[in-house]
Amino acid sequence: MATEVKVPTLGESVTEATVGQWLKKPGEAVKADEPIVSLETDKVAVDVPSPVAGVLGDIIAKEGDTVEVGALLAYVNAGGAAAAPSAPAAAPAAKAEAAAPAPAASAPAAADDEDGGNLTLSPAVRRLVLEHGLDPSKIKGTGKDGRLTKDDVTAAVAAGTAKAAAGAVVAAPAADAPAAGPSRKQERVKMTRLRQTVAKRLKEAQNTAALLTTYNDVDMTNIIEARAKYKDLFEKKHGVRLGFMGFFTKAVCMALRDIPGVNAQIEGDEIVYNDFCDISVAVSAPTGLVVPVIRNAESLSVADIEKTIGGFGKKAKEGKLTMEDMKGGTFTISNGGVFGSLLSSPIINPPQSGVLGLHRIEDRPVVRNGEIVIRPMMYLALSYDHRMVDGREAVTFLVAVKNAIEDPTRLLIDL
């Protein structure tokens, strides 16, 4: 008996998704609640589990297809037997099997068809593996559940650590062949739904909001000393490393309380002021930049904030962020400094009115008490919607953050 696998409810206002990757092939055994296909929505990737234990049958929706909630994805044959390991990959139906051409003898075997490989590769990754004649089982995957990503393959090629796949055929150049010239190769890759949404929302922000950015710099000396002094005790007590984001989040919450316009948003001809701070934090994921939300950050301790951010980072790397993690947000903090950025002008995340950009820390000469000294300095950038926030308010907000970081005692006494 075949059981239908359908697109589940994807979250509020999300009505469709793109089939990203089939994690199982027709004829493979699946367990009940085992993920069999990954769907890409506007915000996150969602794994669809098998409703029953059995064998994956016909696949209806192919990778790259756009599917709506409730659409049929595939069938699972309950209680069926998986195809024998030694047999060639079975097609879902005899008709398809008869029509399938035999593989060319000289073609290198795909990674997930090799005995003991048990690897599922996306089309883009499989293409790279075949192009370079690699054995994917020798490359460490950093994607969800250890899957290989394009970055994993290209990094292995660049480092020279990837081993050639057994039996791969490499054509020798003809003796009289002309020397190869510079490459002019092109590759067309369809944008993921997440990337399309990011592009649309960022352009929407530029077209709608009156964007303006104001800058300042902050002396990180006292925060660095406090972190160095207490980081070991902090990690021992709370089970999480003490970073800078906890301090900056608390400083931002204090500044938002004093300048509520930066924590507000425009809806039609009304301004909505929020008496809570739901702080969106930009996190890098294999599929792109995602922005999960720290709820009621104003009421959390530095330890709670660090734990929340650490949890988001782990879930993003594993592709397990949910719609609820991404929903809402009243203000955004983006830390480009972890990638080495010196200075940038971030773009707000609509309908928010402000985003704070953090950058790398570097020693620079500054004047203190009439003398030139070396201090660890960081540039801060506040981009804001000038329709909502005046320049005076923006500068006051940024100075409040600067003062709290340069004198961390302010965070303790709420000043």
Protein backbone atom coordinates (compact mmCIF):
# COMPACT_ATOMS: atom_id res chain seq x y z
CA MET A 1 0.00 0.00 0.00
CA ALA A 2 1.42 3.36 -1.05
CA THR A 3 1.27 6.33 1.34
CA GLU A 4 1.33 9.87 0.00
CA VAL A 5 4.03 12.31 1.11
CA LYS A 6 2.74 15.87 0.88
CA VAL A 7 4.11 19.35 1.50
CA PRO A 8 3.40 20.16 5.17
CA THR A 9 2.22 23.47 6.59
CA LEU A 10 5.27 25.71 6.30
CA GLY A 11 4.40 28.53 8.67
CA GLU A 12 2.43 31.73 8.80
CA SER A 13 1.98 33.38 5.37
CA VAL A 14 4.26 30.80 3.68
CA THR A 15 2.30 29.05 0.93
CA GLU A 16 4.96 27.48 -1.29
CA ALA A 17 8.50 26.14 -1.31
CA THR A 18 11.15 24.82 -3.66
CA VAL A 19 12.24 21.18 -3.64
CA GLY A 20 15.86 21.53 -2.62
CA GLN A 21 17.24 18.00 -2.34
CA TRP A 22 15.93 14.46 -2.17
CA LEU A 23 17.67 12.75 0.74
CA LYS A 24 16.53 9.28 -0.37
CA LYS A 25 16.31 7.61 -3.77
CA PRO A 26 13.47 5.46 -5.12
CA GLY A 27 13.88 1.91 -3.88
CA GLU A 28 15.69 2.89 -0.67
CA ALA A 29 14.30 1.84 2.70
CA VAL A 30 13.03 4.65 4.95
CA LYS A 31 12.02 4.72 8.57
CA ALA A 32 8.93 6.41 9.95
CA ASP A 33 9.68 10.11 10.61
CA GLU A 34 13.01 9.87 8.77
CA PRO A 35 13.67 12.95 6.57
CA ILE A 36 13.40 12.08 2.88
CA VAL A 37 13.35 15.47 1.16
CA SER A 38 14.44 19.03 1.98
CA LEU A 39 12.29 21.99 0.98
CA GLU A 40 13.56 25.57 0.70
CA THR A 41 11.19 28.31 1.83
CA ASP A 42 11.64 32.06 1.88
CA LYS A 43 13.43 31.85 5.22
CA VAL A 44 14.57 28.34 6.15
CA ALA A 45 15.05 24.82 4.84
CA VAL A 46 12.42 22.33 6.03
CA ASP A 47 12.93 18.56 6.08
CA VAL A 48 9.87 16.49 5.22
CA PRO A 49 9.78 13.13 7.07
CA SER A 50 8.36 9.86 5.83
CA PRO A 51 4.89 9.26 7.33
CA VAL A 52 5.48 5.49 7.50
CA ALA A 53 8.28 2.95 7.42
CA GLY A 54 8.82 1.29 4.06
CA VAL A 55 10.47 1.95 0.71
CA LEU A 56 10.48 5.22 -1.22
CA GLY A 57 8.44 4.79 -4.38
CA ASP A 58 7.62 7.26 -7.15
CA ILE A 59 9.00 10.78 -6.77
CA ILE A 60 6.46 13.26 -8.11
CA ALA A 61 8.19 16.59 -7.45
CA LYS A 62 11.71 16.93 -8.83
CA GLU A 63 14.55 18.98 -7.36
CA GLY A 64 14.03 22.63 -8.26
CA ASP A 65 10.25 22.34 -8.61
CA THR A 66 8.05 24.91 -6.87
CA VAL A 67 5.38 23.21 -4.75
CA GLU A 68 2.47 24.54 -2.72
CA VAL A 69 1.36 23.46 0.74
CA GLY A 70 -0.51 20.15 0.42
CA ALA A 71 1.05 19.24 -2.95
CA LEU A 72 2.04 15.61 -3.54
CA LEU A 73 5.80 15.01 -3.31
CA ALA A 74 6.19 11.23 -3.49
CA TYR A 75 4.85 7.84 -2.42
CA VAL A 76 6.20 5.51 0.26
CA ASN A 77 5.39 1.84 -0.11
CA ALA A 78 4.75 0.62 3.42
CA GLY A 79 6.36 -2.66 4.40
CA GLY A 80 8.25 -3.03 1.13
CA ALA A 81 11.77 -4.39 0.79
CA ALA A 82 14.67 -2.22 -0.21
CA ALA A 83 16.52 -2.93 -3.42
CA ALA A 84 19.45 -5.31 -3.14
CA PRO A 85 22.78 -3.48 -2.68
CA SER A 86 24.44 -5.29 -5.58
CA ALA A 87 21.69 -4.51 -8.04
CA PRO A 88 21.75 -1.35 -10.15
CA ALA A 89 19.64 1.56 -8.93
CA ALA A 90 16.01 0.56 -9.44
CA ALA A 91 13.60 2.89 -11.16
CA PRO A 92 10.20 3.48 -9.51
CA ALA A 93 8.36 1.62 -12.25
CA ALA A 94 9.18 -1.06 -14.83
CA LYS A 95 8.27 1.37 -17.59
CA ALA A 96 10.86 3.87 -16.43
CA GLU A 97 13.38 1.06 -15.95
CA ALA A 98 13.00 -0.06 -19.53
CA ALA A 99 13.43 3.46 -20.82
CA ALA A 100 16.55 4.25 -18.75
CA PRO A 101 19.77 4.10 -20.82
CA ALA A 102 22.69 2.03 -19.58
CA PRO A 103 25.50 4.05 -17.96
CA ALA A 104 28.62 4.68 -20.01
CA ALA A 105 31.46 2.36 -19.02
CA SER A 106 34.00 5.16 -18.86
CA ALA A 107 31.97 7.47 -16.61
CA PRO A 108 33.14 7.69 -12.98
CA ALA A 109 30.62 6.35 -10.50
CA ALA A 110 28.54 8.85 -8.59
CA ALA A 111 29.36 8.97 -4.88
CA ASP A 112 25.97 7.81 -3.65
CA ASP A 113 25.99 4.80 -6.00
CA GLU A 114 29.28 3.38 -4.73
CA ASP A 115 29.23 0.42 -2.35
CA GLY A 116 29.41 1.67 1.20
CA GLY A 117 29.32 5.31 0.09
CA ASN A 118 25.84 6.00 1.47
CA LEU A 119 26.22 9.67 0.53
CA THR A 120 23.47 11.90 -0.81
CA LEU A 121 24.79 14.70 -3.00
CA SER A 122 22.97 17.68 -4.40
CA PRO A 123 23.19 18.13 -8.18
CA ALA A 124 25.66 21.01 -7.87
CA VAL A 125 27.93 19.06 -5.50
CA ARG A 126 27.72 15.91 -7.64
CA ARG A 127 28.74 17.94 -10.71
CA LEU A 128 31.83 19.29 -8.92
CA VAL A 129 32.79 15.83 -7.68
CA LEU A 130 32.56 14.38 -11.17
CA GLU A 131 34.39 17.30 -12.78
CA HIS A 132 37.39 16.86 -10.49
CA GLY A 133 37.24 13.06 -10.33
CA LEU A 134 37.06 13.05 -6.53
CA ASP A 135 36.07 10.51 -3.93
CA PRO A 136 33.48 12.40 -1.83
CA SER A 137 33.78 9.94 1.04
CA LYS A 138 37.27 11.39 1.64
CA ILE A 139 35.95 14.96 2.03
CA LYS A 140 34.59 16.17 5.35
CA GLY A 141 31.09 17.61 4.98
CA THR A 142 30.00 20.69 6.95
CA GLY A 143 26.38 20.73 5.84
CA LYS A 144 23.36 19.31 7.62
CA ASP A 145 24.00 15.80 8.99
CA GLY A 146 27.53 15.99 7.59
CA ARG A 147 26.46 16.39 3.97
CA LEU A 148 28.88 17.84 1.45
CA THR A 149 28.42 21.40 0.23
CA LYS A 150 29.98 23.10 -2.80
CA ASP A 151 32.29 24.99 -0.44
CA ASP A 152 33.51 21.70 1.05
CA VAL A 153 34.44 20.36 -2.39
CA THR A 154 36.09 23.55 -3.65
CA ALA A 155 38.03 23.91 -0.39
CA ALA A 156 39.29 20.32 -0.68
CA VAL A 157 40.36 20.94 -4.28
CA ALA A 158 42.14 24.17 -3.38
CA ALA A 159 43.91 22.53 -0.42
CA GLY A 160 44.88 19.48 -2.49
CA THR A 161 43.49 17.15 0.19
CA ALA A 162 40.77 15.50 -1.91
CA LYS A 163 41.71 12.09 -3.21
CA ALA A 164 40.79 10.94 -6.71
CA ALA A 165 37.86 8.55 -6.87
CA ALA A 166 38.75 4.94 -7.59
CA GLY A 167 38.24 4.08 -11.23
CA ALA A 168 37.85 7.68 -12.31
CA VAL A 169 38.98 8.19 -15.87
CA VAL A 170 41.16 11.20 -16.56
CA ALA A 171 41.72 11.90 -20.24
CA ALA A 172 45.35 12.51 -21.15
CA PRO A 173 45.96 15.54 -23.36
CA ALA A 174 46.99 14.85 -26.91
CA ALA A 175 50.69 15.30 -27.58
CA ASP A 176 50.10 17.94 -30.22
CA ALA A 177 47.29 19.72 -28.36
CA PRO A 178 47.84 23.47 -27.98
CA ALA A 179 48.55 24.84 -24.54
CA ALA A 180 45.44 25.62 -22.56
CA GLY A 181 44.58 29.29 -22.42
CA PRO A 182 42.91 31.22 -19.61
CA SER A 183 39.58 29.77 -18.57
CA ARG A 184 36.40 31.52 -19.69
CA LYS A 185 34.05 28.97 -18.22
CA GLN A 186 30.62 30.05 -16.99
CA GLU A 187 28.11 28.31 -14.77
CA ARG A 188 24.44 29.12 -14.38
CA VAL A 189 22.93 28.17 -11.03
CA LYS A 190 19.35 28.98 -10.14
CA MET A 191 19.03 31.25 -7.13
CA THR A 192 17.73 29.53 -4.04
CA ARG A 193 14.40 30.70 -2.72
CA LEU A 194 16.19 32.12 0.34
CA ARG A 195 18.58 34.15 -1.82
CA GLN A 196 15.69 35.42 -3.96
CA THR A 197 13.87 36.55 -0.82
CA VAL A 198 16.97 38.27 0.59
CA ALA A 199 17.49 40.11 -2.69
CA LYS A 200 13.84 41.17 -2.85
CA ARG A 201 13.69 42.42 0.74
CA LEU A 202 16.97 44.34 0.58
CA LYS A 203 15.94 46.07 -2.63
CA GLU A 204 12.54 46.77 -1.09
CA ALA A 205 14.29 48.47 1.84
CA GLN A 206 16.31 50.66 -0.52
CA ASN A 207 13.26 51.60 -2.58
CA THR A 208 10.94 52.29 0.38
CA ALA A 209 12.93 53.53 3.37
CA ALA A 210 14.87 56.78 3.54
CA LEU A 211 18.14 55.05 4.43
CA LEU A 212 20.89 56.93 6.20
CA THR A 213 23.95 55.67 8.07
CA THR A 214 25.81 57.34 10.91
CA TYR A 215 29.17 56.15 12.22
CA ASN A 216 31.18 56.20 15.40
CA ASP A 217 34.06 54.27 16.88
CA VAL A 218 34.33 52.56 20.24
CA ASP A 219 37.32 51.83 22.46
CA MET A 220 37.11 48.11 23.27
CA THR A 221 39.79 48.16 25.99
CA ASN A 222 37.53 47.72 29.03
CA ILE A 223 35.29 45.08 27.43
CA ILE A 224 38.33 43.08 26.29
CA GLU A 225 39.85 43.25 29.78
CA ALA A 226 36.57 42.20 31.42
CA ARG A 227 36.18 39.32 29.00
CA ALA A 228 39.77 38.13 29.53
CA LYS A 229 39.34 38.30 33.31
CA TYR A 230 36.06 36.40 33.57
CA LYS A 231 35.77 34.23 30.44
CA ASP A 232 36.98 31.03 32.12
CA LEU A 233 34.68 31.42 35.14
CA PHE A 234 31.84 32.41 32.85
CA GLU A 235 32.20 29.33 30.66
CA LYS A 236 32.55 27.06 33.70
CA LYS A 237 29.36 28.40 35.28
CA HIS A 238 27.15 28.88 32.23
CA GLY A 239 28.53 26.30 29.81
CA VAL A 240 28.97 28.85 27.01
CA ARG A 241 31.82 31.09 25.88
CA LEU A 242 31.74 34.77 26.75
CA GLY A 243 31.78 36.80 23.54
CA PHE A 244 31.15 40.43 22.67
CA MET A 245 27.62 39.98 21.32
CA GLY A 246 26.17 39.63 24.81
CA PHE A 247 27.57 43.02 25.81
CA PHE A 248 26.49 44.73 22.60
CA THR A 249 22.98 43.28 22.80
CA LYS A 250 22.53 44.58 26.34
CA ALA A 251 23.93 47.97 25.32
CA VAL A 252 21.55 48.11 22.35
CA CYS A 253 18.56 47.28 24.57
CA MET A 254 19.46 50.13 26.92
CA ALA A 255 19.79 52.55 24.01
CA LEU A 256 16.49 51.41 22.47
CA ARG A 257 14.73 52.15 25.74
CA ASP A 258 16.04 55.71 25.63
CA ILE A 259 15.43 56.20 21.87
CA PRO A 260 12.20 54.22 21.22
CA GLY A 261 11.90 55.45 17.63
CA VAL A 262 14.78 53.19 16.58
CA ASN A 263 12.78 50.26 17.96
CA ALA A 264 9.58 51.23 16.13
CA GLN A 265 8.16 50.62 12.67
CA ILE A 266 5.86 52.29 10.17
CA GLU A 267 2.57 50.58 9.30
CA GLY A 268 0.54 52.60 6.83
CA ASP A 269 0.14 56.07 8.29
CA GLU A 270 0.84 54.90 11.85
CA ILE A 271 3.99 54.39 13.93
CA VAL A 272 4.08 51.24 16.03
CA TYR A 273 6.27 51.58 19.14
CA ASN A 274 7.45 48.37 20.82
CA ASP A 275 8.03 48.20 24.56
CA PHE A 276 10.10 45.02 24.11
CA CYS A 277 13.38 44.33 22.32
CA ASP A 278 13.29 41.40 19.93
CA ILE A 279 16.83 41.56 18.56
CA SER A 280 17.54 39.95 15.20
CA VAL A 281 21.11 38.66 14.93
CA ALA A 282 22.64 37.97 11.53
CA VAL A 283 24.01 34.40 11.38
CA SER A 284 25.88 32.80 8.48
CA ALA A 285 24.36 29.53 7.24
CA PRO A 286 25.33 27.22 4.34
CA THR A 287 22.37 28.54 2.35
CA GLY A 288 23.08 32.21 3.03
CA LEU A 289 22.63 34.86 5.70
CA VAL A 290 19.75 34.21 8.10
CA VAL A 291 18.46 36.42 10.90
CA PRO A 292 16.98 34.56 13.89
CA VAL A 293 15.47 36.59 16.73
CA ILE A 294 16.36 36.86 20.44
CA ARG A 295 12.97 37.39 22.11
CA ASN A 296 12.71 39.94 24.94
CA ALA A 297 16.46 40.49 24.96
CA GLU A 298 15.99 43.38 27.40
CA SER A 299 15.04 40.90 30.14
CA LEU A 300 17.84 38.39 29.46
CA SER A 301 21.25 38.19 31.10
CA VAL A 302 24.48 38.25 29.12
CA ALA A 303 24.73 34.48 29.68
CA ASP A 304 21.20 33.90 28.36
CA ILE A 305 21.96 35.98 25.28
CA GLU A 306 25.21 34.11 24.57
CA LYS A 307 23.43 30.76 24.95
CA THR A 308 20.67 31.84 22.58
CA ILE A 309 23.10 33.09 19.93
CA GLY A 310 25.21 29.95 20.25
CA GLY A 311 22.11 27.82 19.79
CA PHE A 312 21.13 29.79 16.68
CA GLY A 313 24.60 29.34 15.19
CA LYS A 314 24.50 25.58 15.70
CA LYS A 315 20.99 25.26 14.28
CA ALA A 316 21.92 27.42 11.27
CA LYS A 317 24.93 25.24 10.46
CA GLU A 318 22.81 22.10 10.72
CA GLY A 319 19.94 23.63 8.75
CA LYS A 320 17.52 23.29 11.67
CA LEU A 321 16.35 26.87 12.13
CA THR A 322 12.56 27.04 12.23
CA MET A 323 10.06 29.63 11.08
CA GLU A 324 9.45 30.59 14.72
CA ASP A 325 13.18 31.30 15.15
CA MET A 326 13.05 33.79 12.26
CA LYS A 327 9.71 35.45 12.94
CA GLY A 328 9.50 39.11 13.93
CA GLY A 329 12.36 41.21 15.23
CA THR A 330 12.35 44.92 16.13
CA PHE A 331 16.05 45.74 15.61
CA THR A 332 19.02 43.96 14.00
CA ILE A 333 22.68 43.55 14.97
CA SER A 334 25.02 42.43 12.18
CA ASN A 335 28.60 41.51 13.08
CA GLY A 336 30.68 41.69 9.91
CA GLY A 337 33.79 41.92 12.01
CA VAL A 338 33.97 38.15 12.35
CA PHE A 339 34.73 38.06 8.62
CA GLY A 340 37.29 40.88 8.82
CA SER A 341 35.13 43.83 7.75
CA LEU A 342 36.62 47.22 8.64
CA LEU A 343 33.58 49.37 7.81
CA SER A 344 30.24 48.95 6.06
CA SER A 345 26.80 50.52 5.71
CA PRO A 346 24.26 47.80 6.59
CA ILE A 347 20.75 47.79 5.10
CA ILE A 348 17.77 47.63 7.45
CA ASN A 349 15.55 44.54 7.56
CA PRO A 350 11.98 45.76 6.78
CA PRO A 351 9.80 46.68 8.57
CA GLN A 352 12.48 47.46 11.16
CA SER A 353 13.81 50.99 11.41
CA GLY A 354 17.40 50.32 12.41
CA VAL A 355 20.38 47.97 12.16
CA LEU A 356 23.69 48.20 13.99
CA GLY A 357 26.80 47.04 12.12
CA LEU A 358 29.78 45.80 14.13
CA HIS A 359 33.23 45.51 12.60
CA ARG A 360 36.66 44.13 13.27
CA ILE A 361 38.74 45.23 16.26
CA GLU A 362 42.16 46.63 15.44
CA ASP A 363 44.82 48.61 17.27
CA ARG A 364 44.84 52.27 16.25
CA PRO A 365 46.50 55.43 17.60
CA VAL A 366 44.10 57.65 19.54
CA VAL A 367 44.51 60.64 21.82
CA ARG A 368 43.87 60.10 25.54
CA ASN A 369 44.62 62.85 28.07
CA GLY A 370 46.68 64.76 25.53
CA GLU A 371 48.84 61.76 24.61
CA ILE A 372 48.83 59.45 21.59
CA VAL A 373 48.25 55.88 22.72
CA ILE A 374 47.36 52.60 21.05
CA ARG A 375 43.86 51.27 21.72
CA PRO A 376 41.78 48.38 20.31
CA MET A 377 39.15 50.25 18.32
CA MET A 378 36.02 49.18 16.45
CA TYR A 379 33.87 51.14 14.02
CA LEU A 380 30.12 51.13 14.64
CA ALA A 381 27.59 51.87 11.90
CA LEU A 382 23.91 52.57 12.52
CA SER A 383 21.70 52.50 9.42
CA TYR A 384 18.18 53.78 10.02
CA ASP A 385 14.98 54.83 8.30
CA HIS A 386 15.10 58.63 8.24
CA ARG A 387 11.31 58.73 7.83
CA MET A 388 11.09 57.43 11.39
CA VAL A 389 14.34 58.45 13.09
CA ASP A 390 15.87 61.92 13.08
CA GLY A 391 19.62 62.41 12.87
CA ARG A 392 19.81 63.64 16.46
CA GLU A 393 18.11 60.49 17.72
CA ALA A 394 20.38 58.26 15.64
CA VAL A 395 23.54 59.92 16.93
CA THR A 396 22.23 59.81 20.53
CA PHE A 397 21.48 56.10 20.16
CA LEU A 398 24.96 55.34 18.79
CA VAL A 399 26.69 57.37 21.51
CA ALA A 400 24.67 55.50 24.17
CA VAL A 401 25.92 52.17 22.79
CA LYS A 402 29.47 53.51 22.65
CA ASN A 403 29.36 54.77 26.26
CA ALA A 404 27.99 51.47 27.57
CA ILE A 405 30.72 49.45 25.84
CA GLU A 406 33.55 51.76 26.87
CA ASP A 407 32.29 51.79 30.48
CA PRO A 408 30.67 48.36 31.12
CA THR A 409 29.67 49.44 34.63
CA ARG A 410 26.80 51.30 32.96
CA LEU A 411 25.35 47.92 31.94
CA LEU A 412 25.30 46.83 35.59
CA ILE A 413 23.75 49.97 37.07
CA ASP A 414 21.40 50.59 34.09
CA LEU A 415 22.83 54.01 33.25
